Amino acid sequence: MKLSNSFSGALRTFAYFIASGTHYQLNGIEYLDLFGEEPSAIEQAFAIFTNVIELDENGNVLNAKYAEKRAVDYIRSYCDPEFEVKPPYEDWEIELHSAPPLKDKK
């Protein structure tokens, strides 16, 4: 089974705007240095995005903008201690799942 084109497009778009420093919800937040200096913050944002995103039975993304908001709120709160994430994250949203094996099964 492969990921849907809808999910692939949502993830690609999110990754582009995060990596380019042009995500509209992060205007004025200096976060690009996190990529080289504190990559775990970026890792956590992507974990939140993928944990929160929902797909229908055909693999179509239902809540891409909400998943983005939850993820960028993490980056904003990481860079600005005054920013409060609302509602607070639930454990399942911030869970870091196991990495894949070092060697592909296929």
N, C-alpha and C. Protein backbone atom coordinates (compact mmCIF):
# COMPACT_ATOMS: atom_id res chain seq x y z
N MET A 1 0.85 -1.18 0.00
CA MET A 1 0.00 0.00 0.00
C MET A 1 0.89 1.24 0.00
N LYS A 2 0.55 2.20 -0.79
CA LYS A 2 1.30 3.45 -0.85
C LYS A 2 0.45 4.57 -0.27
N LEU A 3 1.14 5.63 0.16
CA LEU A 3 0.42 6.81 0.62
C LEU A 3 -0.34 7.42 -0.55
N SER A 4 -1.45 8.05 -0.26
CA SER A 4 -2.26 8.65 -1.31
C SER A 4 -1.59 9.89 -1.89
N ASN A 5 -1.98 10.23 -3.10
CA ASN A 5 -1.51 11.47 -3.72
C ASN A 5 -1.93 12.68 -2.90
N SER A 6 -3.10 12.60 -2.31
CA SER A 6 -3.60 13.70 -1.48
C SER A 6 -2.69 13.92 -0.28
N PHE A 7 -2.32 12.85 0.40
CA PHE A 7 -1.41 12.97 1.55
C PHE A 7 -0.04 13.43 1.09
N SER A 8 0.46 12.85 0.02
CA SER A 8 1.76 13.24 -0.51
C SER A 8 1.80 14.73 -0.82
N GLY A 9 0.74 15.24 -1.43
CA GLY A 9 0.66 16.67 -1.76
C GLY A 9 0.60 17.54 -0.52
N ALA A 10 -0.14 17.10 0.49
CA ALA A 10 -0.24 17.88 1.74
C ALA A 10 1.10 17.92 2.45
N LEU A 11 1.79 16.79 2.52
CA LEU A 11 3.09 16.73 3.18
C LEU A 11 4.13 17.55 2.41
N ARG A 12 4.15 17.41 1.10
CA ARG A 12 5.09 18.15 0.27
C ARG A 12 4.89 19.65 0.44
N THR A 13 3.66 20.10 0.43
CA THR A 13 3.36 21.52 0.57
C THR A 13 3.79 22.03 1.94
N PHE A 14 3.48 21.30 2.97
CA PHE A 14 3.89 21.68 4.32
C PHE A 14 5.41 21.75 4.40
N ALA A 15 6.09 20.73 3.90
CA ALA A 15 7.56 20.70 3.94
C ALA A 15 8.16 21.88 3.20
N TYR A 16 7.60 22.20 2.05
CA TYR A 16 8.13 23.34 1.27
C TYR A 16 8.03 24.64 2.05
N PHE A 17 6.85 24.94 2.58
CA PHE A 17 6.67 26.22 3.26
C PHE A 17 7.46 26.28 4.58
N ILE A 18 7.64 25.16 5.24
CA ILE A 18 8.47 25.15 6.45
C ILE A 18 9.93 25.35 6.07
N ALA A 19 10.41 24.58 5.10
CA ALA A 19 11.84 24.63 4.73
C ALA A 19 12.23 25.94 4.07
N SER A 20 11.29 26.59 3.39
CA SER A 20 11.61 27.84 2.69
C SER A 20 11.50 29.06 3.59
N GLY A 21 10.93 28.88 4.77
CA GLY A 21 10.75 30.01 5.68
C GLY A 21 9.60 30.91 5.29
N THR A 22 8.69 30.41 4.49
CA THR A 22 7.59 31.25 3.99
C THR A 22 6.21 30.80 4.46
N HIS A 23 6.14 29.99 5.51
CA HIS A 23 4.81 29.58 5.98
C HIS A 23 4.11 30.79 6.58
N TYR A 24 2.93 31.08 6.08
CA TYR A 24 2.21 32.30 6.47
C TYR A 24 1.89 32.37 7.96
N GLN A 25 1.80 31.24 8.63
CA GLN A 25 1.49 31.25 10.06
C GLN A 25 2.73 31.50 10.92
N LEU A 26 3.90 31.58 10.27
CA LEU A 26 5.14 31.82 11.01
C LEU A 26 5.80 33.14 10.61
N ASN A 27 5.01 34.05 10.03
CA ASN A 27 5.55 35.36 9.69
C ASN A 27 6.13 36.02 10.93
N GLY A 28 7.34 36.52 10.81
CA GLY A 28 7.98 37.21 11.92
C GLY A 28 8.68 36.30 12.92
N ILE A 29 8.59 35.00 12.74
CA ILE A 29 9.25 34.05 13.63
C ILE A 29 10.53 33.57 12.95
N GLU A 30 11.65 33.77 13.62
CA GLU A 30 12.95 33.33 13.09
C GLU A 30 13.17 31.88 13.51
N TYR A 31 12.88 30.96 12.61
CA TYR A 31 12.98 29.56 12.97
C TYR A 31 13.88 28.74 12.05
N LEU A 32 14.33 29.31 10.94
CA LEU A 32 15.10 28.51 9.99
C LEU A 32 16.41 27.96 10.57
N ASP A 33 17.00 28.64 11.54
CA ASP A 33 18.22 28.13 12.16
C ASP A 33 17.98 26.82 12.91
N LEU A 34 16.72 26.53 13.23
CA LEU A 34 16.42 25.27 13.92
C LEU A 34 16.84 24.07 13.06
N PHE A 35 16.79 24.23 11.74
CA PHE A 35 17.14 23.10 10.86
C PHE A 35 18.55 22.61 11.12
N GLY A 36 19.49 23.49 11.33
CA GLY A 36 20.87 23.08 11.55
C GLY A 36 21.26 22.99 13.01
N GLU A 37 20.62 23.80 13.83
CA GLU A 37 21.04 23.89 15.23
C GLU A 37 20.21 23.05 16.19
N GLU A 38 18.93 22.91 15.91
CA GLU A 38 18.05 22.14 16.79
C GLU A 38 17.03 21.35 15.95
N PRO A 39 17.53 20.39 15.18
CA PRO A 39 16.64 19.66 14.27
C PRO A 39 15.53 18.89 14.98
N SER A 40 15.67 18.60 16.26
CA SER A 40 14.60 17.88 16.95
C SER A 40 13.32 18.71 17.01
N ALA A 41 13.44 20.03 16.98
CA ALA A 41 12.24 20.88 16.95
C ALA A 41 11.49 20.70 15.64
N ILE A 42 12.24 20.61 14.54
CA ILE A 42 11.61 20.38 13.23
C ILE A 42 11.03 18.97 13.18
N GLU A 43 11.77 18.01 13.71
CA GLU A 43 11.28 16.64 13.77
C GLU A 43 9.95 16.57 14.51
N GLN A 44 9.85 17.28 15.64
CA GLN A 44 8.62 17.28 16.42
C GLN A 44 7.48 17.90 15.64
N ALA A 45 7.75 18.97 14.91
CA ALA A 45 6.70 19.62 14.11
C ALA A 45 6.17 18.66 13.04
N PHE A 46 7.07 17.94 12.38
CA PHE A 46 6.61 16.98 11.37
C PHE A 46 5.87 15.82 12.01
N ALA A 47 6.28 15.40 13.20
CA ALA A 47 5.55 14.34 13.90
C ALA A 47 4.13 14.81 14.22
N ILE A 48 4.00 16.03 14.69
CA ILE A 48 2.67 16.57 14.99
C ILE A 48 1.83 16.62 13.73
N PHE A 49 2.40 17.12 12.64
CA PHE A 49 1.66 17.20 11.37
C PHE A 49 1.13 15.82 10.98
N THR A 50 2.01 14.82 10.99
CA THR A 50 1.58 13.50 10.53
C THR A 50 0.67 12.79 11.53
N ASN A 51 0.81 13.08 12.81
CA ASN A 51 -0.10 12.48 13.80
C ASN A 51 -1.50 13.07 13.73
N VAL A 52 -1.59 14.35 13.38
CA VAL A 52 -2.88 15.05 13.40
C VAL A 52 -3.65 14.90 12.09
N ILE A 53 -2.94 14.78 10.99
CA ILE A 53 -3.63 14.74 9.69
C ILE A 53 -4.56 13.53 9.60
N GLU A 54 -5.71 13.74 8.98
CA GLU A 54 -6.70 12.68 8.84
C GLU A 54 -7.01 12.46 7.37
N LEU A 55 -7.26 11.20 7.02
CA LEU A 55 -7.60 10.82 5.66
C LEU A 55 -8.95 10.12 5.65
N ASP A 56 -9.68 10.28 4.56
CA ASP A 56 -10.92 9.53 4.43
C ASP A 56 -10.60 8.13 3.91
N GLU A 57 -11.62 7.33 3.66
CA GLU A 57 -11.42 5.94 3.24
C GLU A 57 -10.73 5.81 1.89
N ASN A 58 -10.71 6.90 1.11
CA ASN A 58 -10.04 6.89 -0.19
C ASN A 58 -8.65 7.52 -0.14
N GLY A 59 -8.22 7.89 1.06
CA GLY A 59 -6.89 8.49 1.20
C GLY A 59 -6.85 9.98 0.98
N ASN A 60 -8.02 10.62 0.86
CA ASN A 60 -8.06 12.07 0.68
C ASN A 60 -7.90 12.78 2.02
N VAL A 61 -7.05 13.79 2.04
CA VAL A 61 -6.79 14.53 3.27
C VAL A 61 -8.01 15.36 3.64
N LEU A 62 -8.39 15.30 4.92
CA LEU A 62 -9.56 16.01 5.41
C LEU A 62 -9.23 17.29 6.17
N ASN A 63 -8.03 17.38 6.73
CA ASN A 63 -7.75 18.50 7.64
C ASN A 63 -6.31 19.02 7.53
N ALA A 64 -5.83 19.21 6.32
CA ALA A 64 -4.44 19.64 6.11
C ALA A 64 -4.12 20.94 6.84
N LYS A 65 -4.99 21.92 6.77
CA LYS A 65 -4.70 23.22 7.38
C LYS A 65 -4.68 23.12 8.91
N TYR A 66 -5.53 22.30 9.48
CA TYR A 66 -5.51 22.11 10.93
C TYR A 66 -4.23 21.40 11.36
N ALA A 67 -3.82 20.38 10.60
CA ALA A 67 -2.57 19.68 10.91
C ALA A 67 -1.39 20.65 10.81
N GLU A 68 -1.39 21.51 9.80
CA GLU A 68 -0.35 22.53 9.67
C GLU A 68 -0.34 23.45 10.87
N LYS A 69 -1.52 23.91 11.27
CA LYS A 69 -1.61 24.84 12.40
C LYS A 69 -1.05 24.23 13.67
N ARG A 70 -1.40 22.98 13.94
CA ARG A 70 -0.89 22.34 15.15
C ARG A 70 0.63 22.23 15.08
N ALA A 71 1.16 21.92 13.91
CA ALA A 71 2.61 21.77 13.75
C ALA A 71 3.33 23.12 13.86
N VAL A 72 2.82 24.14 13.18
CA VAL A 72 3.51 25.44 13.23
C VAL A 72 3.33 26.10 14.60
N ASP A 73 2.25 25.79 15.29
CA ASP A 73 2.11 26.30 16.66
C ASP A 73 3.23 25.76 17.54
N TYR A 74 3.66 24.53 17.29
CA TYR A 74 4.78 23.98 18.05
C TYR A 74 6.05 24.79 17.78
N ILE A 75 6.33 25.05 16.50
CA ILE A 75 7.52 25.83 16.15
C ILE A 75 7.44 27.22 16.77
N ARG A 76 6.28 27.84 16.66
CA ARG A 76 6.10 29.18 17.24
C ARG A 76 6.35 29.15 18.75
N SER A 77 5.80 28.16 19.43
CA SER A 77 5.98 28.08 20.88
C SER A 77 7.43 27.76 21.25
N TYR A 78 8.10 27.03 20.40
CA TYR A 78 9.50 26.70 20.63
C TYR A 78 10.37 27.96 20.52
N CYS A 79 10.04 28.81 19.58
CA CYS A 79 10.82 30.04 19.34
C CYS A 79 10.37 31.21 20.20
N ASP A 80 9.13 31.19 20.65
CA ASP A 80 8.57 32.30 21.43
C ASP A 80 7.92 31.74 22.69
N PRO A 81 8.63 31.75 23.80
CA PRO A 81 8.10 31.17 25.05
C PRO A 81 6.81 31.84 25.53
N GLU A 82 6.51 33.02 25.03
CA GLU A 82 5.28 33.71 25.41
C GLU A 82 4.05 33.15 24.68
N PHE A 83 4.29 32.45 23.56
CA PHE A 83 3.17 31.91 22.77
C PHE A 83 2.61 30.68 23.46
N GLU A 84 1.30 30.65 23.60
CA GLU A 84 0.61 29.53 24.24
C GLU A 84 -0.18 28.75 23.20
N VAL A 85 0.10 27.48 23.09
CA VAL A 85 -0.61 26.61 22.16
C VAL A 85 -1.99 26.31 22.75
N LYS A 86 -3.02 26.59 21.95
CA LYS A 86 -4.41 26.35 22.38
C LYS A 86 -5.14 25.56 21.31
N PRO A 87 -5.78 24.48 21.67
CA PRO A 87 -5.72 23.83 22.97
C PRO A 87 -4.35 23.18 23.16
N PRO A 88 -3.98 22.90 24.40
CA PRO A 88 -2.69 22.24 24.64
C PRO A 88 -2.64 20.91 23.89
N TYR A 89 -1.44 20.50 23.55
CA TYR A 89 -1.28 19.23 22.84
C TYR A 89 -1.70 18.05 23.71
N GLU A 90 -2.33 17.10 23.06
CA GLU A 90 -2.62 15.83 23.71
C GLU A 90 -1.43 14.90 23.44
N ASP A 91 -1.27 13.90 24.26
CA ASP A 91 -0.11 13.01 24.14
C ASP A 91 0.01 12.40 22.74
N TRP A 92 -1.12 11.98 22.15
CA TRP A 92 -1.08 11.33 20.84
C TRP A 92 -0.60 12.28 19.74
N GLU A 93 -0.80 13.59 19.93
CA GLU A 93 -0.38 14.55 18.91
C GLU A 93 1.14 14.70 18.85
N ILE A 94 1.79 14.58 19.99
CA ILE A 94 3.23 14.84 20.05
C ILE A 94 4.07 13.56 20.11
N GLU A 95 3.43 12.43 20.00
CA GLU A 95 4.16 11.16 20.08
C GLU A 95 5.14 11.01 18.92
N LEU A 96 6.35 10.59 19.24
CA LEU A 96 7.35 10.28 18.23
C LEU A 96 7.35 8.76 18.05
N HIS A 97 6.94 8.32 16.88
CA HIS A 97 6.86 6.88 16.61
C HIS A 97 8.24 6.34 16.23
N SER A 98 8.38 5.05 16.31
CA SER A 98 9.66 4.39 16.02
C SER A 98 10.13 4.69 14.61
N ALA A 99 11.44 4.80 14.47
CA ALA A 99 12.05 4.97 13.15
C ALA A 99 11.99 3.64 12.40
N PRO A 100 12.03 3.68 11.08
CA PRO A 100 12.04 2.42 10.32
C PRO A 100 13.37 1.70 10.51
N PRO A 101 13.41 0.43 10.16
CA PRO A 101 14.69 -0.30 10.26
C PRO A 101 15.73 0.32 9.31
N LEU A 102 16.98 0.09 9.61
CA LEU A 102 18.05 0.64 8.78
C LEU A 102 18.10 0.02 7.38
N LYS A 103 17.53 -1.16 7.26
CA LYS A 103 17.50 -1.82 5.97
C LYS A 103 16.04 -2.08 5.56
N ASP A 104 15.70 -1.73 4.33
CA ASP A 104 14.35 -1.95 3.82
C ASP A 104 14.03 -3.44 3.77
N LYS A 105 12.75 -3.75 3.99
CA LYS A 105 12.29 -5.13 3.94
C LYS A 105 12.17 -5.62 2.49
N LYS A 106 12.04 -4.69 1.61
CA LYS A 106 11.78 -5.01 0.20
C LYS A 106 13.05 -5.07 -0.61
